[in-house]
């Protein structure tokens, strides 16, 4: 049985937004914070503004914004919203949280 080693691979995350709305900016800020805390040095964030490139929504089947798509590691996962609930985002992306205060 093959076991996936997620400790050294780069997480590829794509955040779909529509302009610089409060919700879009909040989602980006929250995502960066979670990645710095739990995936430091192991992630890449691509931000796609659908106001500038609406044709890119079809590839990942984006129907609401903001939407976060985890491309790597597989399987692909999606989270819709401003990503304000850290626990739900971590569970949704299958990220093991870094424990603080141990």
PDB file of N, CA and C in Angstrom:
ATOM      1  N   UNK A   1       0.842  -1.182   0.000  1.00  0.00           N
ATOM      2  CA  UNK A   1       0.000   0.000   0.000  1.00  0.00           C
ATOM      3  C   UNK A   1       0.891   1.250   0.000  1.00  0.00           C
ATOM      4  N   UNK A   2       0.566   2.186  -0.860  1.00  0.00           N
ATOM      5  CA  UNK A   2       1.330   3.421  -0.977  1.00  0.00           C
ATOM      6  C   UNK A   2       0.770   4.468  -0.010  1.00  0.00           C
ATOM      7  N   UNK A   3       1.645   5.066   0.782  1.00  0.00           N
ATOM      8  CA  UNK A   3       1.236   6.094   1.735  1.00  0.00           C
ATOM      9  C   UNK A   3       1.711   7.440   1.216  1.00  0.00           C
ATOM     10  N   UNK A   4       0.798   8.418   1.184  1.00  0.00           N
ATOM     11  CA  UNK A   4       1.148   9.741   0.694  1.00  0.00           C
ATOM     12  C   UNK A   4       1.869  10.533   1.786  1.00  0.00           C
ATOM     13  N   UNK A   5       3.059  11.030   1.475  1.00  0.00           N
ATOM     14  CA  UNK A   5       3.830  11.831   2.411  1.00  0.00           C
ATOM     15  C   UNK A   5       3.560  13.302   2.115  1.00  0.00           C
ATOM     16  N   UNK A   6       2.757  13.937   2.965  1.00  0.00           N
ATOM     17  CA  UNK A   6       2.392  15.342   2.729  1.00  0.00           C
ATOM     18  C   UNK A   6       3.315  16.305   3.462  1.00  0.00           C
ATOM     19  N   UNK A   7       4.317  15.800   4.179  1.00  0.00           N
ATOM     20  CA  UNK A   7       5.150  16.687   4.979  1.00  0.00           C
ATOM     21  C   UNK A   7       6.108  17.518   4.136  1.00  0.00           C
ATOM     22  N   UNK A   8       6.540  17.034   2.972  1.00  0.00           N
ATOM     23  CA  UNK A   8       7.536  17.749   2.188  1.00  0.00           C
ATOM     24  C   UNK A   8       7.022  18.294   0.867  1.00  0.00           C
ATOM     25  N   UNK A   9       5.797  17.973   0.486  1.00  0.00           N
ATOM     26  CA  UNK A   9       5.325  18.440  -0.808  1.00  0.00           C
ATOM     27  C   UNK A   9       4.747  19.844  -0.714  1.00  0.00           C
ATOM     28  N   UNK A  10       4.708  20.511  -1.855  1.00  0.00           N
ATOM     29  CA  UNK A  10       4.158  21.853  -1.922  1.00  0.00           C
ATOM     30  C   UNK A  10       2.663  21.778  -2.179  1.00  0.00           C
ATOM     31  N   UNK A  11       1.908  22.450  -1.345  1.00  0.00           N
ATOM     32  CA  UNK A  11       0.455  22.533  -1.506  1.00  0.00           C
ATOM     33  C   UNK A  11       0.165  23.616  -2.536  1.00  0.00           C
ATOM     34  N   UNK A  12      -0.594  23.273  -3.557  1.00  0.00           N
ATOM     35  CA  UNK A  12      -0.975  24.235  -4.587  1.00  0.00           C
ATOM     36  C   UNK A  12      -2.427  24.625  -4.375  1.00  0.00           C
ATOM     37  N   UNK A  13      -2.622  25.889  -4.034  1.00  0.00           N
ATOM     38  CA  UNK A  13      -3.947  26.412  -3.714  1.00  0.00           C
ATOM     39  C   UNK A  13      -4.310  27.513  -4.702  1.00  0.00           C
ATOM     40  N   UNK A  14      -5.552  27.509  -5.143  1.00  0.00           N
ATOM     41  CA  UNK A  14      -6.026  28.512  -6.095  1.00  0.00           C
ATOM     42  C   UNK A  14      -7.247  29.184  -5.480  1.00  0.00           C
ATOM     43  N   UNK A  15      -7.184  30.506  -5.337  1.00  0.00           N
ATOM     44  CA  UNK A  15      -8.292  31.265  -4.771  1.00  0.00           C
ATOM     45  C   UNK A  15      -8.946  32.087  -5.879  1.00  0.00           C
ATOM     46  N   UNK A  16     -10.216  31.785  -6.132  1.00  0.00           N
ATOM     47  CA  UNK A  16     -10.986  32.529  -7.118  1.00  0.00           C
ATOM     48  C   UNK A  16     -11.729  33.655  -6.411  1.00  0.00           C
ATOM     49  N   UNK A  17     -11.548  34.875  -6.921  1.00  0.00           N
ATOM     50  CA  UNK A  17     -12.208  36.055  -6.360  1.00  0.00           C
ATOM     51  C   UNK A  17     -12.868  36.836  -7.500  1.00  0.00           C
ATOM     52  N   UNK A  18     -13.621  37.860  -7.142  1.00  0.00           N
ATOM     53  CA  UNK A  18     -14.211  38.760  -8.140  1.00  0.00           C
ATOM     54  C   UNK A  18     -13.946  40.189  -7.697  1.00  0.00           C
ATOM     55  N   UNK A  19     -12.820  40.710  -8.110  1.00  0.00           N
ATOM     56  CA  UNK A  19     -12.449  42.067  -7.734  1.00  0.00           C
ATOM     57  C   UNK A  19     -11.937  42.131  -6.307  1.00  0.00           C
ATOM     58  N   UNK A  20     -11.779  43.341  -5.831  1.00  0.00           N
ATOM     59  CA  UNK A  20     -11.223  43.549  -4.490  1.00  0.00           C
ATOM     60  C   UNK A  20     -12.327  43.865  -3.492  1.00  0.00           C
ATOM     61  N   UNK A  21     -13.283  42.939  -3.388  1.00  0.00           N
ATOM     62  CA  UNK A  21     -14.373  43.106  -2.435  1.00  0.00           C
ATOM     63  C   UNK A  21     -13.881  42.752  -1.033  1.00  0.00           C
ATOM     64  N   UNK A  22     -14.645  43.158  -0.037  1.00  0.00           N
ATOM     65  CA  UNK A  22     -14.295  42.843   1.349  1.00  0.00           C
ATOM     66  C   UNK A  22     -14.195  41.334   1.539  1.00  0.00           C
ATOM     67  N   UNK A  23     -15.142  40.596   0.984  1.00  0.00           N
ATOM     68  CA  UNK A  23     -15.149  39.143   1.136  1.00  0.00           C
ATOM     69  C   UNK A  23     -13.924  38.500   0.473  1.00  0.00           C
ATOM     70  N   UNK A  24     -13.567  38.981  -0.708  1.00  0.00           N
ATOM     71  CA  UNK A  24     -12.404  38.448  -1.413  1.00  0.00           C
ATOM     72  C   UNK A  24     -11.116  38.736  -0.649  1.00  0.00           C
ATOM     73  N   UNK A  25     -10.971  39.962  -0.185  1.00  0.00           N
ATOM     74  CA  UNK A  25      -9.762  40.340   0.557  1.00  0.00           C
ATOM     75  C   UNK A  25      -9.679  39.601   1.886  1.00  0.00           C
ATOM     76  N   UNK A  26     -10.815  39.398   2.542  1.00  0.00           N
ATOM     77  CA  UNK A  26     -10.839  38.637   3.798  1.00  0.00           C
ATOM     78  C   UNK A  26     -10.425  37.195   3.544  1.00  0.00           C
ATOM     79  N   UNK A  27     -10.933  36.597   2.478  1.00  0.00           N
ATOM     80  CA  UNK A  27     -10.575  35.213   2.152  1.00  0.00           C
ATOM     81  C   UNK A  27      -9.080  35.087   1.903  1.00  0.00           C
ATOM     82  N   UNK A  28      -8.496  36.013   1.157  1.00  0.00           N
ATOM     83  CA  UNK A  28      -7.056  35.967   0.871  1.00  0.00           C
ATOM     84  C   UNK A  28      -6.238  36.151   2.136  1.00  0.00           C
ATOM     85  N   UNK A  29      -6.630  37.099   2.964  1.00  0.00           N
ATOM     86  CA  UNK A  29      -5.907  37.334   4.217  1.00  0.00           C
ATOM     87  C   UNK A  29      -5.974  36.099   5.120  1.00  0.00           C
ATOM     88  N   UNK A  30      -7.158  35.527   5.266  1.00  0.00           N
ATOM     89  CA  UNK A  30      -7.311  34.335   6.100  1.00  0.00           C
ATOM     90  C   UNK A  30      -6.490  33.172   5.552  1.00  0.00           C
ATOM     91  N   UNK A  31      -6.549  32.964   4.237  1.00  0.00           N
ATOM     92  CA  UNK A  31      -5.800  31.869   3.627  1.00  0.00           C
ATOM     93  C   UNK A  31      -4.301  32.018   3.874  1.00  0.00           C
ATOM     94  N   UNK A  32      -3.769  33.211   3.667  1.00  0.00           N
ATOM     95  CA  UNK A  32      -2.337  33.440   3.901  1.00  0.00           C
ATOM     96  C   UNK A  32      -1.974  33.168   5.357  1.00  0.00           C
ATOM     97  N   UNK A  33      -2.818  33.596   6.274  1.00  0.00           N
ATOM     98  CA  UNK A  33      -2.555  33.385   7.702  1.00  0.00           C
ATOM     99  C   UNK A  33      -2.526  31.894   8.030  1.00  0.00           C
ATOM    100  N   UNK A  34      -3.511  31.131   7.554  1.00  0.00           N
ATOM    101  CA  UNK A  34      -3.563  29.697   7.835  1.00  0.00           C
ATOM    102  C   UNK A  34      -2.365  28.977   7.225  1.00  0.00           C
ATOM    103  N   UNK A  35      -1.999  29.368   6.005  1.00  0.00           N
ATOM    104  CA  UNK A  35      -0.863  28.723   5.351  1.00  0.00           C
ATOM    105  C   UNK A  35       0.443  29.013   6.084  1.00  0.00           C
ATOM    106  N   UNK A  36       0.641  30.256   6.507  1.00  0.00           N
ATOM    107  CA  UNK A  36       1.860  30.602   7.243  1.00  0.00           C
ATOM    108  C   UNK A  36       1.933  29.853   8.568  1.00  0.00           C
ATOM    109  N   UNK A  37       0.792  29.635   9.188  1.00  0.00           N
ATOM    110  CA  UNK A  37       0.753  28.940  10.471  1.00  0.00           C
ATOM    111  C   UNK A  37       0.941  27.437  10.320  1.00  0.00           C
ATOM    112  N   UNK A  38       0.285  26.838   9.348  1.00  0.00           N
ATOM    113  CA  UNK A  38       0.215  25.376   9.272  1.00  0.00           C
ATOM    114  C   UNK A  38       0.996  24.749   8.124  1.00  0.00           C
ATOM    115  N   UNK A  39       1.373  25.546   7.116  1.00  0.00           N
ATOM    116  CA  UNK A  39       2.080  25.001   5.949  1.00  0.00           C
ATOM    117  C   UNK A  39       3.307  25.828   5.592  1.00  0.00           C
ATOM    118  N   UNK A  40       3.903  26.496   6.550  1.00  0.00           N
ATOM    119  CA  UNK A  40       4.994  27.442   6.289  1.00  0.00           C
ATOM    120  C   UNK A  40       6.048  26.844   5.366  1.00  0.00           C
ATOM    121  N   UNK A  41       6.295  27.550   4.247  1.00  0.00           N
ATOM    122  CA  UNK A  41       7.304  27.123   3.293  1.00  0.00           C
ATOM    123  C   UNK A  41       6.890  25.957   2.413  1.00  0.00           C
ATOM    124  N   UNK A  42       5.633  25.513   2.523  1.00  0.00           N
ATOM    125  CA  UNK A  42       5.186  24.338   1.769  1.00  0.00           C
ATOM    126  C   UNK A  42       3.943  24.635   0.934  1.00  0.00           C
ATOM    127  N   UNK A  43       3.718  25.877   0.570  1.00  0.00           N
ATOM    128  CA  UNK A  43       2.496  26.192  -0.165  1.00  0.00           C
ATOM    129  C   UNK A  43       2.738  27.232  -1.245  1.00  0.00           C
ATOM    130  N   UNK A  44       1.836  27.224  -2.225  1.00  0.00           N
ATOM    131  CA  UNK A  44       1.831  28.213  -3.297  1.00  0.00           C
ATOM    132  C   UNK A  44       0.375  28.626  -3.501  1.00  0.00           C
ATOM    133  N   UNK A  45       0.109  29.930  -3.450  1.00  0.00           N
ATOM    134  CA  UNK A  45      -1.250  30.447  -3.640  1.00  0.00           C
ATOM    135  C   UNK A  45      -1.309  31.175  -4.980  1.00  0.00           C
ATOM    136  N   UNK A  46      -2.275  30.788  -5.803  1.00  0.00           N
ATOM    137  CA  UNK A  46      -2.549  31.484  -7.053  1.00  0.00           C
ATOM    138  C   UNK A  46      -3.912  32.153  -6.896  1.00  0.00           C
ATOM    139  N   UNK A  47      -3.949  33.470  -7.079  1.00  0.00           N
ATOM    140  CA  UNK A  47      -5.209  34.209  -6.969  1.00  0.00           C
ATOM    141  C   UNK A  47      -5.701  34.513  -8.382  1.00  0.00           C
ATOM    142  N   UNK A  48      -6.932  34.133  -8.664  1.00  0.00           N
ATOM    143  CA  UNK A  48      -7.517  34.369  -9.978  1.00  0.00           C
ATOM    144  C   UNK A  48      -8.728  35.283  -9.814  1.00  0.00           C
ATOM    145  N   UNK A  49      -8.637  36.461 -10.417  1.00  0.00           N
ATOM    146  CA  UNK A  49      -9.730  37.427 -10.377  1.00  0.00           C
ATOM    147  C   UNK A  49     -10.636  37.167 -11.579  1.00  0.00           C
ATOM    148  N   UNK A  50     -11.843  36.692 -11.304  1.00  0.00           N
ATOM    149  CA  UNK A  50     -12.763  36.331 -12.379  1.00  0.00           C
ATOM    150  C   UNK A  50     -13.351  37.543 -13.102  1.00  0.00           C
ATOM    151  N   UNK A  51     -13.175  38.729 -12.544  1.00  0.00           N
ATOM    152  CA  UNK A  51     -13.571  39.923 -13.287  1.00  0.00           C
ATOM    153  C   UNK A  51     -12.605  40.167 -14.442  1.00  0.00           C
ATOM    154  N   UNK A  52     -11.343  39.762 -14.257  1.00  0.00           N
ATOM    155  CA  UNK A  52     -10.330  39.936 -15.291  1.00  0.00           C
ATOM    156  C   UNK A  52     -10.248  38.734 -16.227  1.00  0.00           C
ATOM    157  N   UNK A  53     -10.469  37.537 -15.690  1.00  0.00           N
ATOM    158  CA  UNK A  53     -10.343  36.311 -16.485  1.00  0.00           C
ATOM    159  C   UNK A  53     -11.518  35.367 -16.204  1.00  0.00           C
ATOM    160  N   UNK A  54     -12.720  35.732 -16.620  1.00  0.00           N
ATOM    161  CA  UNK A  54     -13.894  34.914 -16.304  1.00  0.00           C
ATOM    162  C   UNK A  54     -13.850  33.515 -16.926  1.00  0.00           C
ATOM    163  N   UNK A  55     -13.119  33.356 -18.020  1.00  0.00           N
ATOM    164  CA  UNK A  55     -13.054  32.055 -18.688  1.00  0.00           C
ATOM    165  C   UNK A  55     -12.375  30.995 -17.825  1.00  0.00           C
ATOM    166  N   UNK A  56     -11.602  31.399 -16.820  1.00  0.00           N
ATOM    167  CA  UNK A  56     -10.898  30.439 -15.968  1.00  0.00           C
ATOM    168  C   UNK A  56     -11.818  29.754 -14.955  1.00  0.00           C
ATOM    169  N   UNK A  57     -13.011  30.261 -14.776  1.00  0.00           N
ATOM    170  CA  UNK A  57     -13.951  29.663 -13.821  1.00  0.00           C
ATOM    171  C   UNK A  57     -14.402  28.282 -14.268  1.00  0.00           C
ATOM    172  N   UNK A  58     -14.472  28.073 -15.564  1.00  0.00           N
ATOM    173  CA  UNK A  58     -14.984  26.807 -16.083  1.00  0.00           C
ATOM    174  C   UNK A  58     -14.080  25.632 -15.760  1.00  0.00           C
ATOM    175  N   UNK A  59     -12.770  25.833 -15.822  1.00  0.00           N
ATOM    176  CA  UNK A  59     -11.827  24.741 -15.600  1.00  0.00           C
ATOM    177  C   UNK A  59     -11.988  24.062 -14.254  1.00  0.00           C
ATOM    178  N   UNK A  60     -12.214  24.832 -13.196  1.00  0.00           N
ATOM    179  CA  UNK A  60     -12.396  24.273 -11.854  1.00  0.00           C
ATOM    180  C   UNK A  60     -13.866  24.259 -11.437  1.00  0.00           C
ATOM    181  N   UNK A  61     -14.757  24.513 -12.386  1.00  0.00           N
ATOM    182  CA  UNK A  61     -16.207  24.510 -12.149  1.00  0.00           C
ATOM    183  C   UNK A  61     -16.577  25.413 -10.964  1.00  0.00           C
ATOM    184  N   UNK A  62     -16.236  26.679 -11.085  1.00  0.00           N
ATOM    185  CA  UNK A  62     -16.492  27.664 -10.039  1.00  0.00           C
ATOM    186  C   UNK A  62     -17.866  28.288 -10.263  1.00  0.00           C
ATOM    187  N   UNK A  63     -18.727  28.178  -9.256  1.00  0.00           N
ATOM    188  CA  UNK A  63     -20.084  28.706  -9.354  1.00  0.00           C
ATOM    189  C   UNK A  63     -20.370  29.785  -8.313  1.00  0.00           C
ATOM    190  N   UNK A  64     -19.478  29.943  -7.337  1.00  0.00           N
ATOM    191  CA  UNK A  64     -19.641  30.958  -6.295  1.00  0.00           C
ATOM    192  C   UNK A  64     -18.260  31.499  -5.959  1.00  0.00           C
ATOM    193  N   UNK A  65     -18.228  32.711  -5.431  1.00  0.00           N
ATOM    194  CA  UNK A  65     -16.948  33.304  -5.075  1.00  0.00           C
ATOM    195  C   UNK A  65     -17.051  33.992  -3.721  1.00  0.00           C
ATOM    196  N   UNK A  66     -15.971  34.098  -2.982  1.00  0.00           N
ATOM    197  CA  UNK A  66     -14.682  33.480  -3.269  1.00  0.00           C
ATOM    198  C   UNK A  66     -14.739  31.955  -3.084  1.00  0.00           C
ATOM    199  N   UNK A  67     -13.922  31.246  -3.882  1.00  0.00           N
ATOM    200  CA  UNK A  67     -13.796  29.799  -3.774  1.00  0.00           C
ATOM    201  C   UNK A  67     -12.321  29.443  -3.730  1.00  0.00           C
ATOM    202  N   UNK A  68     -11.967  28.610  -2.779  1.00  0.00           N
ATOM    203  CA  UNK A  68     -10.607  28.099  -2.665  1.00  0.00           C
ATOM    204  C   UNK A  68     -10.582  26.683  -3.220  1.00  0.00           C
ATOM    205  N   UNK A  69      -9.612  26.411  -4.084  1.00  0.00           N
ATOM    206  CA  UNK A  69      -9.449  25.079  -4.666  1.00  0.00           C
ATOM    207  C   UNK A  69      -8.068  24.561  -4.285  1.00  0.00           C
ATOM    208  N   UNK A  70      -8.039  23.383  -3.673  1.00  0.00           N
ATOM    209  CA  UNK A  70      -6.762  22.723  -3.399  1.00  0.00           C
ATOM    210  C   UNK A  70      -6.477  21.812  -4.586  1.00  0.00           C
ATOM    211  N   UNK A  71      -5.459  22.164  -5.379  1.00  0.00           N
ATOM    212  CA  UNK A  71      -5.095  21.379  -6.554  1.00  0.00           C
ATOM    213  C   UNK A  71      -4.172  20.215  -6.165  1.00  0.00           C
ATOM    214  N   UNK A  72      -3.194  20.500  -5.326  1.00  0.00           N
ATOM    215  CA  UNK A  72      -2.226  19.508  -4.849  1.00  0.00           C
ATOM    216  C   UNK A  72      -2.084  19.714  -3.363  1.00  0.00           C
ATOM    217  N   UNK A  73      -2.088  18.673  -2.545  1.00  0.00           N
ATOM    218  CA  UNK A  73      -2.161  17.262  -2.917  1.00  0.00           C
ATOM    219  C   UNK A  73      -3.570  16.866  -3.349  1.00  0.00           C
ATOM    220  N   UNK A  74      -3.620  15.830  -4.154  1.00  0.00           N
ATOM    221  CA  UNK A  74      -4.891  15.289  -4.626  1.00  0.00           C
ATOM    222  C   UNK A  74      -5.576  14.577  -3.474  1.00  0.00           C
ATOM    223  N   UNK A  75      -6.853  14.402  -3.408  1.00  0.00           N
ATOM    224  CA  UNK A  75      -7.822  14.830  -4.414  1.00  0.00           C
ATOM    225  C   UNK A  75      -8.100  16.327  -4.318  1.00  0.00           C
ATOM    226  N   UNK A  76      -8.621  16.881  -5.398  1.00  0.00           N
ATOM    227  CA  UNK A  76      -8.983  18.301  -5.419  1.00  0.00           C
ATOM    228  C   UNK A  76     -10.100  18.532  -4.413  1.00  0.00           C
ATOM    229  N   UNK A  77      -9.974  19.613  -3.647  1.00  0.00           N
ATOM    230  CA  UNK A  77     -11.012  19.990  -2.679  1.00  0.00           C
ATOM    231  C   UNK A  77     -11.359  21.449  -2.881  1.00  0.00           C
ATOM    232  N   UNK A  78     -12.610  21.814  -2.555  1.00  0.00           N
ATOM    233  CA  UNK A  78     -13.073  23.198  -2.722  1.00  0.00           C
ATOM    234  C   UNK A  78     -13.746  23.678  -1.444  1.00  0.00           C
ATOM    235  N   UNK A  79     -13.522  24.952  -1.150  1.00  0.00           N
ATOM    236  CA  UNK A  79     -14.186  25.606  -0.028  1.00  0.00           C
ATOM    237  C   UNK A  79     -14.701  26.952  -0.529  1.00  0.00           C
ATOM    238  N   UNK A  80     -15.967  27.222  -0.268  1.00  0.00           N
ATOM    239  CA  UNK A  80     -16.593  28.469  -0.711  1.00  0.00           C
ATOM    240  C   UNK A  80     -16.767  29.398   0.488  1.00  0.00           C
ATOM    241  N   UNK A  81     -16.480  30.679   0.301  1.00  0.00           N
ATOM    242  CA  UNK A  81     -16.706  31.672   1.346  1.00  0.00           C
ATOM    243  C   UNK A  81     -15.441  32.440   1.681  1.00  0.00           C
ATOM    244  N   UNK A  82     -15.512  33.231   2.754  1.00  0.00           N
ATOM    245  CA  UNK A  82     -14.383  34.104   3.103  1.00  0.00           C
ATOM    246  C   UNK A  82     -13.329  33.416   3.970  1.00  0.00           C
ATOM    247  N   UNK A  83     -13.495  32.125   4.210  1.00  0.00           N
ATOM    248  CA  UNK A  83     -12.514  31.308   4.934  1.00  0.00           C
ATOM    249  C   UNK A  83     -12.285  31.796   6.360  1.00  0.00           C
ATOM    250  N   UNK A  84     -13.310  32.368   6.980  1.00  0.00           N
ATOM    251  CA  UNK A  84     -13.150  32.945   8.311  1.00  0.00           C
ATOM    252  C   UNK A  84     -13.153  31.911   9.431  1.00  0.00           C
ATOM    253  N   UNK A  85     -13.638  30.704   9.160  1.00  0.00           N
ATOM    254  CA  UNK A  85     -13.645  29.656  10.185  1.00  0.00           C
ATOM    255  C   UNK A  85     -12.436  28.753   9.969  1.00  0.00           C
ATOM    256  N   UNK A  86     -11.387  28.994  10.745  1.00  0.00           N
ATOM    257  CA  UNK A  86     -10.111  28.282  10.549  1.00  0.00           C
ATOM    258  C   UNK A  86     -10.279  26.767  10.643  1.00  0.00           C
ATOM    259  N   UNK A  87     -11.029  26.309  11.632  1.00  0.00           N
ATOM    260  CA  UNK A  87     -11.193  24.868  11.814  1.00  0.00           C
ATOM    261  C   UNK A  87     -11.843  24.222  10.588  1.00  0.00           C
ATOM    262  N   UNK A  88     -12.881  24.859  10.047  1.00  0.00           N
ATOM    263  CA  UNK A  88     -13.553  24.311   8.861  1.00  0.00           C
ATOM    264  C   UNK A  88     -12.636  24.319   7.647  1.00  0.00           C
ATOM    265  N   UNK A  89     -11.826  25.358   7.511  1.00  0.00           N
ATOM    266  CA  UNK A  89     -10.888  25.423   6.388  1.00  0.00           C
ATOM    267  C   UNK A  89      -9.849  24.310   6.504  1.00  0.00           C
ATOM    268  N   UNK A  90      -9.285  24.134   7.689  1.00  0.00           N
ATOM    269  CA  UNK A  90      -8.270  23.092   7.879  1.00  0.00           C
ATOM    270  C   UNK A  90      -8.850  21.708   7.632  1.00  0.00           C
ATOM    271  N   UNK A  91     -10.046  21.452   8.147  1.00  0.00           N
ATOM    272  CA  UNK A  91     -10.701  20.163   7.921  1.00  0.00           C
ATOM    273  C   UNK A  91     -11.020  20.002   6.432  1.00  0.00           C
ATOM    274  N   UNK A  92     -11.538  21.055   5.817  1.00  0.00           N
ATOM    275  CA  UNK A  92     -11.897  20.993   4.404  1.00  0.00           C
ATOM    276  C   UNK A  92     -10.714  20.731   3.485  1.00  0.00           C
ATOM    277  N   UNK A  93      -9.552  21.256   3.851  1.00  0.00           N
ATOM    278  CA  UNK A  93      -8.345  21.045   3.058  1.00  0.00           C
ATOM    279  C   UNK A  93      -7.564  19.817   3.499  1.00  0.00           C
ATOM    280  N   UNK A  94      -8.009  19.211   4.612  1.00  0.00           N
ATOM    281  CA  UNK A  94      -7.319  18.043   5.185  1.00  0.00           C
ATOM    282  C   UNK A  94      -5.908  18.415   5.636  1.00  0.00           C
ATOM    283  N   UNK A  95      -5.812  19.548   6.334  1.00  0.00           N
ATOM    284  CA  UNK A  95      -4.536  20.007   6.899  1.00  0.00           C
ATOM    285  C   UNK A  95      -4.527  19.663   8.365  1.00  0.00           C
ATOM    286  N   UNK A  96      -3.460  19.017   8.803  1.00  0.00           N
ATOM    287  CA  UNK A  96      -3.311  18.706  10.232  1.00  0.00           C
ATOM    288  C   UNK A  96      -2.812  19.981  10.906  1.00  0.00           C
ATOM    289  N   UNK A  97      -3.580  20.527  11.841  1.00  0.00           N
ATOM    290  CA  UNK A  97      -3.182  21.808  12.460  1.00  0.00           C
ATOM    291  C   UNK A  97      -1.929  21.658  13.311  1.00  0.00           C
ATOM    292  N   UNK A  98      -1.145  22.739  13.315  1.00  0.00           N
ATOM    293  CA  UNK A  98       0.017  22.828  14.189  1.00  0.00           C
ATOM    294  C   UNK A  98      -0.502  23.210  15.563  1.00  0.00           C
ATOM    295  N   UNK A  99      -0.187  22.424  16.558  1.00  0.00           N
ATOM    296  CA  UNK A  99      -0.637  22.712  17.922  1.00  0.00           C
ATOM    297  C   UNK A  99       0.220  23.810  18.507  1.00  0.00           C
ATOM    298  N   UNK A 100      -0.421  24.788  19.113  1.00  0.00           N
ATOM    299  CA  UNK A 100       0.326  25.873  19.771  1.00  0.00           C
ATOM    300  C   UNK A 100       0.243  25.705  21.276  1.00  0.00           C
ATOM    301  N   UNK A 101       1.302  26.118  21.932  1.00  0.00           N
ATOM    302  CA  UNK A 101       1.325  26.072  23.393  1.00  0.00           C
ATOM    303  C   UNK A 101       1.607  24.711  23.971  1.00  0.00           C
ATOM    304  N   UNK A 102       2.269  23.854  23.218  1.00  0.00           N
ATOM    305  CA  UNK A 102       2.590  22.512  23.743  1.00  0.00           C
ATOM    306  C   UNK A 102       3.877  22.559  24.521  1.00  0.00           C
TER     307      UNK A 102
END
